[in-house]
Amino acid sequence: MTRAPDLGYRSADENAGGGSTRTVIIAFGANLGVAIAKSVAAVMTGSASMVAEAAHSWADTGNQVFLLIANRRSARVADADRPLGYGREAYVWSLLAAVGLFVAGGSVSVWHGVSELLHAPTGGADYLVAYLVLAVAFVLEGTSLLRAIRQLRGEAEDSDRDVLDYALETSDPMLRAVFAEDSAAIIGIVIAAAGVGLHQLTGAAAWDALGSILVGVLLGAVAVVLIDRNRRFLTGVPASGALREAVIARIEEFPEVSTVRFVRLEYTGPRQLFLVASVDLVGDAAESRVARTLRKLEGELERNPHVVDAVLTVADPDEEDLSGLVDDRERRSGEEPGNAAERSQATPTDTVDP
């Protein structure tokens, strides 16, 4: 049974994406060390696969810098110029990082591999250096990947989703980028090792060059996926149905609210939502009192660190009552009507990424 996302309050560190910042920093350290080692090995061995892997690691290292900038700039508080905050900057800088991976990683690797094939290189003979560097790189990249998987698994379990599905759908572009790039790095290391090994066994440097091309194609594919995900969040992505139901249940908990007629949730940044809703209020109060009540309820909703802004309006009497839709869905899933309200009161340890 899928749990609706919790709307409880998180710590400042969680809300600012502190876990993702640590994940990016670990990835930066690992990629920098690996990039230096691979560059030395590429020079010593002349291996096309090692050159491709070096380009890959330098691209990843530069990308982590973009991701750190994304995290810092998107965390700035809202002001008069940006009333909804600066959250979408995270997707801008993450998009630039993905483009960098495509150009500096994928394109360079493919170009170098094709050049090596056309010029029929003899290659270097120091295979031991290549194997040792690839082994060290595998350990370092694996450590960074495990950190990203650990964070993803914890958040995915809270939302009862698969890790890979959650990595694609999460509103946190930094976490998604580290997971995707480190996964590609591990696969790339295996491809490079196979290219070097086949070169050693057959004496044909073409295998090494082919390894470089395959690494480049892999990086290009990952970059295209990341570019597309960031593009979608930049142009506006609505929240999931489960989160929408939780928000409806939360609004209905207010004693001043009779029914919820309309809800719109859109991401404005990592774990940041813009909420618009229309409601029926209890009673038949004067217009001035209604306005004060709506402003009060907006303030209550905005206490949640994920809601950057909330706008409530009085509903048109002809609008559909969303409460019935939530109860119908609960009946179809085998739950008792009203459980969404109980789920919305989950403890902070049950929170998930919106």
Protein backbone atom coordinates (compact mmCIF):
# COMPACT_ATOMS: atom_id res chain seq x y z
CA MET A 1 0.00 0.00 0.00
CA THR A 2 1.46 3.32 -1.06
CA ARG A 3 1.84 5.93 1.64
CA ALA A 4 0.94 9.48 0.91
CA PRO A 5 3.82 11.85 1.47
CA ASP A 6 4.01 13.43 4.87
CA LEU A 7 3.52 17.16 5.31
CA GLY A 8 5.21 17.36 8.68
CA TYR A 9 8.07 19.75 9.36
CA ARG A 10 11.70 19.03 8.65
CA SER A 11 14.86 20.44 10.09
CA ALA A 12 16.56 23.35 8.36
CA ASP A 13 19.33 21.04 7.21
CA GLU A 14 16.90 18.63 5.56
CA ASN A 15 14.97 21.43 3.94
CA ALA A 16 18.11 23.01 2.53
CA GLY A 17 19.18 19.70 0.98
CA GLY A 18 22.06 19.11 3.39
CA GLY A 19 22.11 15.40 2.54
CA SER A 20 22.51 16.15 -1.16
CA THR A 21 25.28 18.66 -0.44
CA ARG A 22 27.29 16.01 1.40
CA THR A 23 26.66 13.55 -1.42
CA VAL A 24 27.96 16.04 -4.00
CA ILE A 25 31.05 16.88 -1.91
CA ILE A 26 31.91 13.18 -1.56
CA ALA A 27 31.46 12.75 -5.32
CA PHE A 28 33.69 15.77 -6.01
CA GLY A 29 36.53 14.39 -3.87
CA ALA A 30 36.28 10.95 -5.44
CA ASN A 31 36.13 12.27 -9.01
CA LEU A 32 39.04 14.64 -8.52
CA GLY A 33 41.30 11.88 -7.21
CA VAL A 34 40.19 9.50 -9.95
CA ALA A 35 40.66 12.13 -12.68
CA ILE A 36 44.27 12.78 -11.66
CA ALA A 37 45.08 9.05 -11.46
CA LYS A 38 43.48 8.28 -14.83
CA SER A 39 45.27 11.18 -16.51
CA VAL A 40 48.64 9.89 -15.29
CA ALA A 41 47.74 6.36 -16.43
CA ALA A 42 46.60 7.65 -19.84
CA VAL A 43 49.93 9.38 -20.37
CA MET A 44 51.93 6.34 -19.25
CA THR A 45 49.98 3.73 -21.23
CA GLY A 46 48.71 5.65 -24.26
CA SER A 47 45.46 3.74 -23.86
CA ALA A 48 42.47 5.26 -25.68
CA SER A 49 40.12 3.82 -23.07
CA MET A 50 42.13 5.47 -20.29
CA VAL A 51 42.02 8.79 -22.14
CA ALA A 52 38.25 8.46 -22.39
CA GLU A 53 37.99 7.60 -18.71
CA ALA A 54 40.20 10.56 -17.78
CA ALA A 55 37.98 12.89 -19.81
CA HIS A 56 34.94 11.34 -18.13
CA SER A 57 36.32 11.92 -14.63
CA TRP A 58 37.39 15.50 -15.35
CA ALA A 59 33.92 16.19 -16.74
CA ASP A 60 32.36 14.71 -13.60
CA THR A 61 34.66 16.78 -11.39
CA GLY A 62 33.65 19.98 -13.15
CA ASN A 63 30.01 18.95 -12.93
CA GLN A 64 30.21 18.63 -9.15
CA VAL A 65 31.29 22.28 -9.03
CA PHE A 66 28.19 23.22 -11.03
CA LEU A 67 26.05 21.14 -8.65
CA LEU A 68 27.51 22.84 -5.58
CA ILE A 69 26.74 26.22 -7.17
CA ALA A 70 23.23 24.95 -7.93
CA ASN A 71 22.70 23.98 -4.30
CA ARG A 72 23.99 27.28 -2.94
CA ARG A 73 22.09 29.58 -5.31
CA SER A 74 18.80 27.69 -5.12
CA ALA A 75 18.81 27.84 -1.31
CA ARG A 76 18.58 31.65 -1.23
CA VAL A 77 15.45 32.95 0.48
CA ALA A 78 12.64 34.60 -1.45
CA ASP A 79 12.74 38.37 -1.85
CA ALA A 80 10.80 41.12 -3.65
CA ASP A 81 12.40 40.20 -7.00
CA ARG A 82 11.77 36.47 -6.60
CA PRO A 83 8.69 35.99 -4.38
CA LEU A 84 8.71 32.24 -5.05
CA GLY A 85 12.39 31.93 -4.21
CA TYR A 86 15.38 30.90 -6.29
CA GLY A 87 14.74 27.15 -6.31
CA ARG A 88 14.64 26.77 -10.08
CA GLU A 89 18.28 27.91 -10.30
CA ALA A 90 19.13 24.38 -9.19
CA TYR A 91 17.79 23.07 -12.50
CA VAL A 92 19.62 25.73 -14.53
CA TRP A 93 23.04 24.85 -13.09
CA SER A 94 22.29 21.12 -13.17
CA LEU A 95 21.34 21.50 -16.84
CA LEU A 96 24.69 23.18 -17.52
CA ALA A 97 26.44 20.31 -15.73
CA ALA A 98 24.63 17.78 -17.94
CA VAL A 99 25.61 19.70 -21.09
CA GLY A 100 29.21 19.68 -19.83
CA LEU A 101 29.04 15.91 -19.37
CA PHE A 102 27.83 15.54 -22.96
CA VAL A 103 30.50 17.82 -24.47
CA ALA A 104 33.57 17.30 -22.26
CA GLY A 105 32.86 13.66 -21.49
CA GLY A 106 30.85 12.03 -24.26
CA SER A 107 31.98 13.98 -27.32
CA VAL A 108 35.67 13.99 -26.40
CA SER A 109 35.65 10.24 -25.69
CA VAL A 110 33.97 9.38 -29.00
CA TRP A 111 36.22 11.74 -30.97
CA HIS A 112 39.39 10.31 -29.40
CA GLY A 113 38.24 6.73 -29.98
CA VAL A 114 37.46 7.36 -33.64
CA SER A 115 40.81 9.15 -34.10
CA GLU A 116 42.65 6.19 -32.61
CA LEU A 117 40.82 3.79 -34.92
CA LEU A 118 41.63 5.84 -38.02
CA HIS A 119 45.30 6.22 -37.16
CA ALA A 120 45.79 2.54 -36.20
CA PRO A 121 47.80 3.20 -33.01
CA THR A 122 50.13 0.64 -31.51
CA GLY A 123 49.20 1.66 -27.93
CA GLY A 124 51.24 1.45 -24.78
CA ALA A 125 52.42 -1.76 -23.12
CA ASP A 126 52.15 -0.83 -19.43
CA TYR A 127 48.87 -2.63 -18.81
CA LEU A 128 49.50 -3.10 -15.10
CA VAL A 129 49.32 0.66 -14.48
CA ALA A 130 45.98 0.84 -16.28
CA TYR A 131 44.53 -2.05 -14.28
CA LEU A 132 45.71 -0.63 -10.96
CA VAL A 133 44.28 2.82 -11.69
CA LEU A 134 40.96 1.35 -12.85
CA ALA A 135 40.77 -0.75 -9.68
CA VAL A 136 41.37 2.31 -7.47
CA ALA A 137 38.85 4.29 -9.52
CA PHE A 138 36.28 1.53 -9.10
CA VAL A 139 36.64 1.68 -5.31
CA LEU A 140 36.42 5.49 -5.14
CA GLU A 141 33.54 5.79 -7.57
CA GLY A 142 31.79 2.90 -5.84
CA THR A 143 32.08 4.67 -2.49
CA SER A 144 30.48 7.80 -3.93
CA LEU A 145 27.75 5.77 -5.64
CA LEU A 146 26.92 3.90 -2.42
CA ARG A 147 26.48 7.22 -0.64
CA ALA A 148 24.02 8.38 -3.33
CA ILE A 149 22.16 5.05 -3.29
CA ARG A 150 21.90 5.16 0.51
CA GLN A 151 20.27 8.59 0.37
CA LEU A 152 18.01 7.59 -2.52
CA ARG A 153 16.94 4.33 -0.87
CA GLY A 154 15.97 6.08 2.36
CA GLU A 155 13.82 8.63 0.53
CA ALA A 156 12.40 6.06 -1.92
CA GLU A 157 11.31 3.73 0.89
CA ASP A 158 9.43 6.56 2.55
CA SER A 159 7.41 7.06 -0.63
CA ASP A 160 7.15 3.29 -1.32
CA ARG A 161 8.86 3.60 -4.70
CA ASP A 162 11.66 1.86 -6.57
CA VAL A 163 15.10 3.49 -6.21
CA LEU A 164 15.61 3.92 -9.95
CA ASP A 165 12.11 5.34 -10.43
CA TYR A 166 12.63 7.71 -7.53
CA ALA A 167 16.00 8.84 -8.90
CA LEU A 168 14.33 9.82 -12.19
CA GLU A 169 11.33 11.53 -10.56
CA THR A 170 12.89 13.29 -7.55
CA SER A 171 12.80 17.08 -7.54
CA ASP A 172 16.44 17.10 -6.31
CA PRO A 173 18.62 17.44 -9.45
CA MET A 174 21.88 17.25 -7.50
CA LEU A 175 21.13 13.82 -6.06
CA ARG A 176 19.91 12.55 -9.43
CA ALA A 177 23.07 13.81 -11.17
CA VAL A 178 25.47 12.18 -8.69
CA PHE A 179 23.62 8.87 -8.90
CA ALA A 180 23.54 8.91 -12.71
CA GLU A 181 27.14 10.03 -13.18
CA ASP A 182 28.58 7.59 -10.63
CA SER A 183 26.56 4.73 -12.14
CA ALA A 184 27.92 5.65 -15.56
CA ALA A 185 31.42 5.85 -14.07
CA ILE A 186 31.24 2.28 -12.74
CA ILE A 187 29.98 0.96 -16.08
CA GLY A 188 32.62 3.02 -17.90
CA ILE A 189 35.40 1.53 -15.78
CA VAL A 190 34.23 -1.98 -16.68
CA ILE A 191 34.16 -1.04 -20.39
CA ALA A 192 37.63 0.51 -20.19
CA ALA A 193 39.04 -2.54 -18.41
CA ALA A 194 37.55 -4.79 -21.09
CA GLY A 195 39.05 -2.62 -23.85
CA VAL A 196 42.51 -2.68 -22.27
CA GLY A 197 42.24 -6.41 -21.60
CA LEU A 198 41.26 -7.26 -25.17
CA HIS A 199 44.07 -5.04 -26.43
CA GLN A 200 46.51 -6.96 -24.27
CA LEU A 201 45.16 -10.37 -25.32
CA THR A 202 44.86 -9.74 -29.07
CA GLY A 203 47.48 -7.06 -29.62
CA ALA A 204 44.85 -5.08 -31.56
CA ALA A 205 44.58 -1.51 -30.31
CA ALA A 206 41.20 -1.24 -32.02
CA TRP A 207 39.60 -2.85 -28.96
CA ASP A 208 40.97 -0.07 -26.79
CA ALA A 209 39.68 2.58 -29.19
CA LEU A 210 36.29 0.87 -29.28
CA GLY A 211 36.21 1.02 -25.49
CA SER A 212 36.73 4.78 -25.70
CA ILE A 213 33.82 5.13 -28.14
CA LEU A 214 31.50 3.03 -25.98
CA VAL A 215 32.34 5.11 -22.91
CA GLY A 216 31.54 8.25 -24.89
CA VAL A 217 28.19 6.87 -26.07
CA LEU A 218 27.33 5.92 -22.48
CA LEU A 219 28.11 9.42 -21.21
CA GLY A 220 26.12 10.99 -24.01
CA ALA A 221 23.06 8.87 -23.17
CA VAL A 222 23.25 9.74 -19.47
CA ALA A 223 23.68 13.43 -20.29
CA VAL A 224 20.61 13.44 -22.54
CA VAL A 225 18.49 11.90 -19.76
CA LEU A 226 19.72 14.48 -17.23
CA ILE A 227 19.16 17.36 -19.67
CA ASP A 228 15.58 16.21 -20.26
CA ARG A 229 14.78 15.88 -16.55
CA ASN A 230 16.09 19.36 -15.78
CA ARG A 231 14.21 20.78 -18.77
CA ARG A 232 10.96 19.34 -17.45
CA PHE A 233 11.40 20.84 -13.98
CA LEU A 234 12.39 24.20 -15.44
CA THR A 235 9.19 24.37 -17.48
CA GLY A 236 6.99 23.29 -14.56
CA VAL A 237 6.24 19.85 -13.10
CA PRO A 238 3.12 19.21 -11.00
CA ALA A 239 3.39 17.23 -7.78
CA SER A 240 2.37 13.58 -7.66
CA GLY A 241 -1.19 12.47 -7.05
CA ALA A 242 -0.26 11.07 -3.65
CA LEU A 243 1.20 14.37 -2.52
CA ARG A 244 -1.83 16.22 -3.88
CA GLU A 245 -4.12 14.00 -1.81
CA ALA A 246 -2.03 14.63 1.29
CA VAL A 247 -2.30 18.38 0.75
CA ILE A 248 -6.07 18.15 0.33
CA ALA A 249 -6.29 16.17 3.56
CA ARG A 250 -4.11 18.72 5.34
CA ILE A 251 -6.27 21.66 4.22
CA GLU A 252 -9.44 19.86 5.29
CA GLU A 253 -8.05 19.49 8.81
CA PHE A 254 -8.50 23.23 9.34
CA PRO A 255 -11.74 23.76 11.28
CA GLU A 256 -12.50 26.81 9.12
CA VAL A 257 -12.58 24.71 5.90
CA SER A 258 -15.71 22.87 4.81
CA THR A 259 -14.53 21.42 1.49
CA VAL A 260 -11.62 21.70 -0.96
CA ARG A 261 -12.66 22.41 -4.54
CA PHE A 262 -9.35 22.90 -6.39
CA VAL A 263 -5.65 22.24 -5.71
CA ARG A 264 -2.63 22.98 -7.88
CA LEU A 265 0.89 22.02 -6.76
CA GLU A 266 3.93 22.87 -8.87
CA TYR A 267 7.63 22.51 -8.13
CA THR A 268 9.58 25.74 -7.87
CA GLY A 269 12.82 24.03 -6.80
CA PRO A 270 14.20 20.97 -5.00
CA ARG A 271 11.55 19.98 -2.43
CA GLN A 272 9.85 23.35 -2.93
CA LEU A 273 6.20 23.68 -3.94
CA PHE A 274 3.85 26.46 -4.97
CA LEU A 275 0.34 25.73 -3.72
CA VAL A 276 -2.88 27.19 -5.12
CA ALA A 277 -6.26 26.03 -3.82
CA SER A 278 -9.90 27.09 -3.67
CA VAL A 279 -11.99 26.15 -0.63
CA ASP A 280 -15.43 26.46 0.90
CA LEU A 281 -15.32 27.99 4.37
CA VAL A 282 -17.59 26.99 7.23
CA GLY A 283 -20.44 29.43 7.81
CA ASP A 284 -21.36 32.59 5.93
CA ALA A 285 -18.92 35.19 7.23
CA ALA A 286 -18.54 38.75 5.98
CA GLU A 287 -16.09 39.40 3.12
CA SER A 288 -13.48 41.04 5.37
CA ARG A 289 -13.53 38.13 7.78
CA VAL A 290 -13.25 35.64 4.92
CA ALA A 291 -10.14 37.41 3.64
CA ARG A 292 -8.51 37.31 7.09
CA THR A 293 -9.37 33.62 7.44
CA LEU A 294 -7.82 32.78 4.07
CA ARG A 295 -4.63 34.69 4.89
CA LYS A 296 -4.41 32.84 8.22
CA LEU A 297 -4.79 29.46 6.52
CA GLU A 298 -2.16 30.40 3.92
CA GLY A 299 0.24 31.22 6.73
CA GLU A 300 -0.42 27.85 8.35
CA LEU A 301 0.32 26.02 5.09
CA GLU A 302 3.48 28.06 4.50
CA ARG A 303 4.83 26.91 7.86
CA ASN A 304 5.72 23.72 6.03
CA PRO A 305 9.27 24.26 4.69
CA HIS A 306 8.35 22.67 1.35
CA VAL A 307 5.58 25.17 0.59
CA VAL A 308 7.27 28.35 -0.65
CA ASP A 309 3.94 30.11 -1.20
CA ALA A 310 0.26 29.27 -0.75
CA VAL A 311 -2.72 31.03 -2.33
CA LEU A 312 -6.24 30.19 -1.16
CA THR A 313 -9.43 31.52 -2.73
CA VAL A 314 -13.12 31.03 -2.05
CA ALA A 315 -14.45 28.29 -4.29
CA ASP A 316 -17.18 28.60 -6.87
CA PRO A 317 -20.20 26.61 -5.60
CA ASP A 318 -20.29 24.71 -8.91
CA GLU A 319 -16.73 23.41 -8.57
CA GLU A 320 -16.27 19.71 -7.85
CA ASP A 321 -15.60 18.64 -4.26
CA LEU A 322 -12.15 17.01 -4.21
CA SER A 323 -12.78 15.36 -0.85
CA GLY A 324 -14.99 12.77 -2.50
CA LEU A 325 -12.29 11.96 -5.06
CA VAL A 326 -9.78 11.26 -2.29
CA ASP A 327 -12.22 9.03 -0.40
CA ASP A 328 -13.10 7.10 -3.59
CA ARG A 329 -9.43 6.44 -4.28
CA GLU A 330 -8.93 5.22 -0.72
CA ARG A 331 -11.88 2.81 -1.06
CA ARG A 332 -10.44 1.41 -4.30
CA SER A 333 -7.07 0.87 -2.60
CA GLY A 334 -8.72 -0.89 0.35
CA GLU A 335 -8.21 1.92 2.88
CA GLU A 336 -10.78 3.40 5.18
CA PRO A 337 -11.92 6.88 4.02
CA GLY A 338 -10.18 9.58 5.99
CA ASN A 339 -6.83 7.79 6.31
CA ALA A 340 -5.21 10.46 4.13
CA ALA A 341 -5.71 12.93 6.95
CA GLU A 342 -4.07 10.52 9.36
CA ARG A 343 -1.14 10.00 6.99
CA SER A 344 -0.64 13.71 6.70
CA GLN A 345 0.13 13.72 10.44
CA ALA A 346 3.07 11.31 10.05
CA THR A 347 6.16 11.98 12.07
CA PRO A 348 9.13 13.84 10.55
CA THR A 349 11.03 10.55 10.25
CA ASP A 350 8.47 9.43 7.65
CA THR A 351 8.98 12.44 5.43
CA VAL A 352 9.83 12.04 1.77
CA ASP A 353 10.89 14.25 -1.04
CA PRO A 354 7.77 15.90 -2.46
